Amino acid sequence: MVLSAMLRKLHCEITMAMNGKESVDLFIEGRKFDIVFCDKDMPIMSGPEAVEKIRAMGESDVKIVGISANNNAQDVFMNAGADVFVPKPMKFDVLEAMIQEVINKKNNTMV
């Protein structure tokens, strides 16, 4: 919920998945995202499992950010195919920089 509030402050369009399986299902349905935040300990399917499945579908353009209060989760996320790992609590300036990077990349590919 904290992350959602911060994303809203940055005027981001948000689609929430309540668990890792729902996030994978959104990609199966053909939905496209610029950035995905996955918590390590999501129910039904963990964040790293979801990342692995999303990458296995060929989704390489989406930036995937693993987040967890457990610093040992970084290796698990990176091995699963995440682009970045951020420990909880996520700081607003870190989030803002990531969003700006995605916007800049998107603007550069549209030219």
N, C-alpha and C. Protein backbone atom coordinates (compact mmCIF):
# COMPACT_ATOMS: atom_id res chain seq x y z
N MET A 1 0.83 -1.20 0.00
CA MET A 1 0.00 0.00 0.00
C MET A 1 0.87 1.26 0.00
N VAL A 2 2.00 1.22 0.70
CA VAL A 2 2.90 2.37 0.74
C VAL A 2 3.45 2.64 -0.66
N LEU A 3 3.86 1.57 -1.35
CA LEU A 3 4.39 1.72 -2.70
C LEU A 3 3.33 2.31 -3.64
N SER A 4 2.10 1.84 -3.53
CA SER A 4 1.01 2.36 -4.37
C SER A 4 0.83 3.86 -4.15
N ALA A 5 0.87 4.28 -2.90
CA ALA A 5 0.70 5.71 -2.60
C ALA A 5 1.83 6.53 -3.21
N MET A 6 3.05 6.01 -3.12
CA MET A 6 4.19 6.73 -3.71
C MET A 6 4.06 6.79 -5.23
N LEU A 7 3.63 5.70 -5.86
CA LEU A 7 3.46 5.69 -7.31
C LEU A 7 2.38 6.67 -7.74
N ARG A 8 1.32 6.77 -6.96
CA ARG A 8 0.25 7.74 -7.28
C ARG A 8 0.78 9.17 -7.21
N LYS A 9 1.65 9.45 -6.25
CA LYS A 9 2.25 10.79 -6.15
C LYS A 9 3.07 11.11 -7.40
N LEU A 10 3.59 10.07 -8.04
CA LEU A 10 4.37 10.24 -9.26
C LEU A 10 3.49 10.16 -10.51
N HIS A 11 2.17 10.13 -10.33
CA HIS A 11 1.18 10.10 -11.41
C HIS A 11 1.31 8.86 -12.29
N CYS A 12 1.60 7.73 -11.68
CA CYS A 12 1.73 6.46 -12.41
C CYS A 12 0.37 5.76 -12.48
N GLU A 13 0.15 5.10 -13.60
CA GLU A 13 -1.02 4.23 -13.73
C GLU A 13 -0.65 2.91 -13.07
N ILE A 14 -1.51 2.43 -12.18
CA ILE A 14 -1.18 1.25 -11.37
C ILE A 14 -2.14 0.10 -11.66
N THR A 15 -1.58 -1.07 -11.84
CA THR A 15 -2.35 -2.31 -11.89
C THR A 15 -1.80 -3.17 -10.76
N MET A 16 -2.66 -3.57 -9.84
CA MET A 16 -2.19 -4.36 -8.70
C MET A 16 -2.55 -5.83 -8.86
N ALA A 17 -1.59 -6.67 -8.56
CA ALA A 17 -1.82 -8.11 -8.49
C ALA A 17 -1.67 -8.49 -7.02
N MET A 18 -2.57 -9.30 -6.53
CA MET A 18 -2.55 -9.66 -5.11
C MET A 18 -1.58 -10.80 -4.80
N ASN A 19 -1.10 -11.47 -5.85
CA ASN A 19 -0.13 -12.54 -5.65
C ASN A 19 0.67 -12.73 -6.93
N GLY A 20 1.71 -13.54 -6.83
CA GLY A 20 2.58 -13.76 -7.99
C GLY A 20 1.87 -14.37 -9.18
N LYS A 21 0.95 -15.27 -8.93
CA LYS A 21 0.21 -15.91 -10.03
C LYS A 21 -0.60 -14.89 -10.80
N GLU A 22 -1.24 -13.96 -10.09
CA GLU A 22 -2.02 -12.92 -10.77
C GLU A 22 -1.13 -12.06 -11.66
N SER A 23 0.08 -11.78 -11.20
CA SER A 23 0.98 -10.97 -12.02
C SER A 23 1.37 -11.72 -13.30
N VAL A 24 1.65 -13.00 -13.18
CA VAL A 24 1.96 -13.82 -14.37
C VAL A 24 0.75 -13.88 -15.29
N ASP A 25 -0.43 -14.06 -14.72
CA ASP A 25 -1.66 -14.14 -15.53
C ASP A 25 -1.89 -12.87 -16.34
N LEU A 26 -1.54 -11.72 -15.78
CA LEU A 26 -1.70 -10.46 -16.53
C LEU A 26 -0.86 -10.48 -17.80
N PHE A 27 0.35 -11.01 -17.73
CA PHE A 27 1.20 -11.12 -18.91
C PHE A 27 0.64 -12.16 -19.88
N ILE A 28 0.12 -13.26 -19.35
CA ILE A 28 -0.48 -14.29 -20.21
C ILE A 28 -1.65 -13.71 -21.00
N GLU A 29 -2.40 -12.80 -20.35
CA GLU A 29 -3.54 -12.14 -21.00
C GLU A 29 -3.10 -11.12 -22.05
N GLY A 30 -1.80 -10.87 -22.14
CA GLY A 30 -1.29 -9.94 -23.15
C GLY A 30 -1.07 -8.52 -22.65
N ARG A 31 -1.24 -8.31 -21.37
CA ARG A 31 -1.03 -6.97 -20.83
C ARG A 31 0.46 -6.61 -20.91
N LYS A 32 0.74 -5.34 -21.13
CA LYS A 32 2.12 -4.85 -21.21
C LYS A 32 2.33 -3.81 -20.12
N PHE A 33 3.50 -3.84 -19.52
CA PHE A 33 3.85 -2.92 -18.44
C PHE A 33 5.24 -2.37 -18.68
N ASP A 34 5.47 -1.16 -18.19
CA ASP A 34 6.79 -0.55 -18.29
C ASP A 34 7.68 -0.98 -17.13
N ILE A 35 7.06 -1.17 -15.97
CA ILE A 35 7.82 -1.56 -14.77
C ILE A 35 6.92 -2.40 -13.88
N VAL A 36 7.51 -3.41 -13.25
CA VAL A 36 6.79 -4.30 -12.35
C VAL A 36 7.56 -4.38 -11.04
N PHE A 37 6.84 -4.24 -9.93
CA PHE A 37 7.43 -4.40 -8.60
C PHE A 37 6.92 -5.70 -8.01
N CYS A 38 7.83 -6.57 -7.61
CA CYS A 38 7.45 -7.86 -7.05
C CYS A 38 8.01 -7.99 -5.64
N ASP A 39 7.14 -8.28 -4.70
CA ASP A 39 7.56 -8.57 -3.34
C ASP A 39 8.00 -10.03 -3.29
N LYS A 40 9.00 -10.31 -2.49
CA LYS A 40 9.51 -11.68 -2.40
C LYS A 40 8.46 -12.64 -1.85
N ASP A 41 7.73 -12.23 -0.84
CA ASP A 41 6.84 -13.15 -0.14
C ASP A 41 5.37 -12.97 -0.52
N MET A 42 5.08 -12.96 -1.81
CA MET A 42 3.69 -12.89 -2.25
C MET A 42 3.05 -14.27 -2.07
N PRO A 43 1.74 -14.30 -1.79
CA PRO A 43 1.07 -15.60 -1.64
C PRO A 43 0.91 -16.33 -2.98
N ILE A 44 0.61 -17.58 -2.92
CA ILE A 44 0.36 -18.50 -4.04
C ILE A 44 1.61 -18.73 -4.88
N MET A 45 2.26 -17.65 -5.35
CA MET A 45 3.51 -17.76 -6.11
C MET A 45 4.41 -16.61 -5.65
N SER A 46 5.62 -16.92 -5.26
CA SER A 46 6.52 -15.88 -4.74
C SER A 46 6.94 -14.91 -5.85
N GLY A 47 7.45 -13.76 -5.44
CA GLY A 47 7.94 -12.78 -6.40
C GLY A 47 9.00 -13.34 -7.34
N PRO A 48 10.05 -13.99 -6.81
CA PRO A 48 11.06 -14.56 -7.70
C PRO A 48 10.51 -15.60 -8.68
N GLU A 49 9.56 -16.42 -8.23
CA GLU A 49 8.93 -17.39 -9.14
C GLU A 49 8.19 -16.66 -10.26
N ALA A 50 7.48 -15.60 -9.90
CA ALA A 50 6.74 -14.83 -10.90
C ALA A 50 7.70 -14.18 -11.89
N VAL A 51 8.80 -13.64 -11.40
CA VAL A 51 9.80 -13.02 -12.27
C VAL A 51 10.33 -14.04 -13.27
N GLU A 52 10.65 -15.22 -12.77
CA GLU A 52 11.19 -16.28 -13.64
C GLU A 52 10.19 -16.64 -14.74
N LYS A 53 8.92 -16.76 -14.39
CA LYS A 53 7.90 -17.12 -15.38
C LYS A 53 7.67 -16.00 -16.38
N ILE A 54 7.68 -14.75 -15.91
CA ILE A 54 7.50 -13.61 -16.82
C ILE A 54 8.66 -13.54 -17.81
N ARG A 55 9.87 -13.72 -17.33
CA ARG A 55 11.03 -13.71 -18.23
C ARG A 55 10.99 -14.89 -19.20
N ALA A 56 10.52 -16.05 -18.73
CA ALA A 56 10.43 -17.24 -19.59
C ALA A 56 9.44 -17.03 -20.73
N MET A 57 8.50 -16.10 -20.56
CA MET A 57 7.54 -15.78 -21.62
C MET A 57 8.14 -14.83 -22.66
N GLY A 58 9.40 -14.45 -22.46
CA GLY A 58 10.06 -13.56 -23.41
C GLY A 58 9.87 -12.08 -23.10
N GLU A 59 9.36 -11.78 -21.94
CA GLU A 59 9.13 -10.39 -21.55
C GLU A 59 10.45 -9.78 -21.07
N SER A 60 11.20 -9.23 -22.01
CA SER A 60 12.51 -8.67 -21.66
C SER A 60 12.50 -7.14 -21.61
N ASP A 61 11.47 -6.51 -22.17
CA ASP A 61 11.42 -5.05 -22.19
C ASP A 61 10.93 -4.45 -20.88
N VAL A 62 10.20 -5.20 -20.10
CA VAL A 62 9.68 -4.67 -18.84
C VAL A 62 10.77 -4.67 -17.77
N LYS A 63 10.88 -3.55 -17.06
CA LYS A 63 11.83 -3.48 -15.94
C LYS A 63 11.17 -4.13 -14.75
N ILE A 64 11.84 -5.12 -14.16
CA ILE A 64 11.29 -5.82 -13.00
C ILE A 64 12.15 -5.51 -11.78
N VAL A 65 11.47 -5.03 -10.73
CA VAL A 65 12.12 -4.64 -9.49
C VAL A 65 11.68 -5.59 -8.38
N GLY A 66 12.62 -6.28 -7.79
CA GLY A 66 12.34 -7.13 -6.64
C GLY A 66 12.45 -6.31 -5.37
N ILE A 67 11.49 -6.48 -4.47
CA ILE A 67 11.53 -5.75 -3.21
C ILE A 67 11.29 -6.72 -2.05
N SER A 68 12.00 -6.47 -0.96
CA SER A 68 11.84 -7.32 0.22
C SER A 68 12.53 -6.68 1.41
N ALA A 69 12.02 -6.97 2.59
CA ALA A 69 12.68 -6.55 3.82
C ALA A 69 13.86 -7.48 4.12
N ASN A 70 13.92 -8.61 3.46
CA ASN A 70 14.98 -9.60 3.64
C ASN A 70 16.10 -9.32 2.64
N ASN A 71 17.23 -8.84 3.13
CA ASN A 71 18.34 -8.51 2.22
C ASN A 71 18.89 -9.72 1.50
N ASN A 72 18.67 -10.91 2.02
CA ASN A 72 19.12 -12.13 1.34
C ASN A 72 18.32 -12.39 0.07
N ALA A 73 17.24 -11.66 -0.13
CA ALA A 73 16.39 -11.86 -1.30
C ALA A 73 17.02 -11.33 -2.58
N GLN A 74 18.02 -10.47 -2.45
CA GLN A 74 18.62 -9.88 -3.65
C GLN A 74 19.13 -10.94 -4.62
N ASP A 75 19.90 -11.90 -4.13
CA ASP A 75 20.44 -12.94 -5.01
C ASP A 75 19.32 -13.75 -5.65
N VAL A 76 18.29 -14.06 -4.89
CA VAL A 76 17.17 -14.85 -5.41
C VAL A 76 16.49 -14.10 -6.55
N PHE A 77 16.23 -12.81 -6.35
CA PHE A 77 15.58 -12.02 -7.40
C PHE A 77 16.46 -11.87 -8.63
N MET A 78 17.72 -11.56 -8.43
CA MET A 78 18.61 -11.35 -9.57
C MET A 78 18.79 -12.64 -10.37
N ASN A 79 18.88 -13.77 -9.69
CA ASN A 79 18.99 -15.05 -10.38
C ASN A 79 17.71 -15.40 -11.13
N ALA A 80 16.58 -14.89 -10.67
CA ALA A 80 15.30 -15.16 -11.33
C ALA A 80 15.09 -14.29 -12.57
N GLY A 81 15.87 -13.21 -12.68
CA GLY A 81 15.75 -12.35 -13.86
C GLY A 81 15.32 -10.92 -13.58
N ALA A 82 15.26 -10.53 -12.31
CA ALA A 82 14.92 -9.15 -11.98
C ALA A 82 16.04 -8.22 -12.45
N ASP A 83 15.68 -7.00 -12.76
CA ASP A 83 16.67 -6.00 -13.18
C ASP A 83 17.33 -5.32 -11.99
N VAL A 84 16.55 -5.16 -10.92
CA VAL A 84 17.00 -4.40 -9.76
C VAL A 84 16.40 -5.02 -8.51
N PHE A 85 17.11 -4.91 -7.41
CA PHE A 85 16.55 -5.26 -6.11
C PHE A 85 16.63 -4.04 -5.21
N VAL A 86 15.53 -3.75 -4.50
CA VAL A 86 15.48 -2.63 -3.57
C VAL A 86 14.98 -3.15 -2.23
N PRO A 87 15.74 -2.91 -1.17
CA PRO A 87 15.26 -3.35 0.15
C PRO A 87 14.12 -2.47 0.65
N LYS A 88 13.23 -3.08 1.43
CA LYS A 88 12.16 -2.32 2.08
C LYS A 88 12.73 -1.66 3.32
N PRO A 89 12.23 -0.53 3.72
CA PRO A 89 11.23 0.26 3.01
C PRO A 89 11.87 1.01 1.83
N MET A 90 11.15 1.08 0.73
CA MET A 90 11.65 1.77 -0.44
C MET A 90 11.56 3.28 -0.20
N LYS A 91 12.62 3.96 -0.53
CA LYS A 91 12.65 5.41 -0.35
C LYS A 91 12.06 6.09 -1.60
N PHE A 92 11.34 7.19 -1.37
CA PHE A 92 10.67 7.90 -2.46
C PHE A 92 11.65 8.33 -3.54
N ASP A 93 12.81 8.85 -3.17
CA ASP A 93 13.76 9.33 -4.17
C ASP A 93 14.30 8.18 -5.03
N VAL A 94 14.45 7.00 -4.45
CA VAL A 94 14.89 5.82 -5.22
C VAL A 94 13.81 5.43 -6.23
N LEU A 95 12.56 5.41 -5.77
CA LEU A 95 11.44 5.08 -6.65
C LEU A 95 11.32 6.11 -7.77
N GLU A 96 11.40 7.37 -7.41
CA GLU A 96 11.28 8.45 -8.40
C GLU A 96 12.35 8.32 -9.48
N ALA A 97 13.58 8.01 -9.09
CA ALA A 97 14.67 7.83 -10.06
C ALA A 97 14.40 6.65 -10.99
N MET A 98 13.87 5.55 -10.45
CA MET A 98 13.55 4.39 -11.29
C MET A 98 12.46 4.72 -12.29
N ILE A 99 11.42 5.41 -11.83
CA ILE A 99 10.31 5.78 -12.72
C ILE A 99 10.82 6.72 -13.81
N GLN A 100 11.65 7.68 -13.44
CA GLN A 100 12.19 8.62 -14.43
C GLN A 100 13.05 7.89 -15.46
N GLU A 101 13.81 6.90 -15.02
CA GLU A 101 14.63 6.10 -15.95
C GLU A 101 13.75 5.37 -16.96
N VAL A 102 12.65 4.80 -16.49
CA VAL A 102 11.73 4.09 -17.38
C VAL A 102 11.09 5.07 -18.37
N ILE A 103 10.70 6.24 -17.89
CA ILE A 103 10.10 7.26 -18.76
C ILE A 103 11.11 7.70 -19.82
N ASN A 104 12.34 7.96 -19.41
CA ASN A 104 13.38 8.37 -20.36
C ASN A 104 13.64 7.31 -21.42
N LYS A 105 13.70 6.05 -20.99
CA LYS A 105 13.93 4.95 -21.93
C LYS A 105 12.77 4.86 -22.92
N LYS A 106 11.56 4.99 -22.42
CA LYS A 106 10.37 4.90 -23.27
C LYS A 106 10.36 6.05 -24.28
N ASN A 107 10.70 7.26 -23.82
CA ASN A 107 10.74 8.42 -24.72
C ASN A 107 11.81 8.26 -25.78
N ASN A 108 12.95 7.68 -25.43
CA ASN A 108 14.04 7.48 -26.39
C ASN A 108 13.69 6.44 -27.44
N THR A 109 12.91 5.44 -27.09
CA THR A 109 12.56 4.40 -28.06
C THR A 109 11.41 4.84 -28.95
N MET A 110 10.70 5.90 -28.55
CA MET A 110 9.57 6.38 -29.35
C MET A 110 10.02 7.37 -30.42
N VAL A 111 11.24 7.86 -30.32
CA VAL A 111 11.74 8.87 -31.27
C VAL A 111 12.03 8.25 -32.60
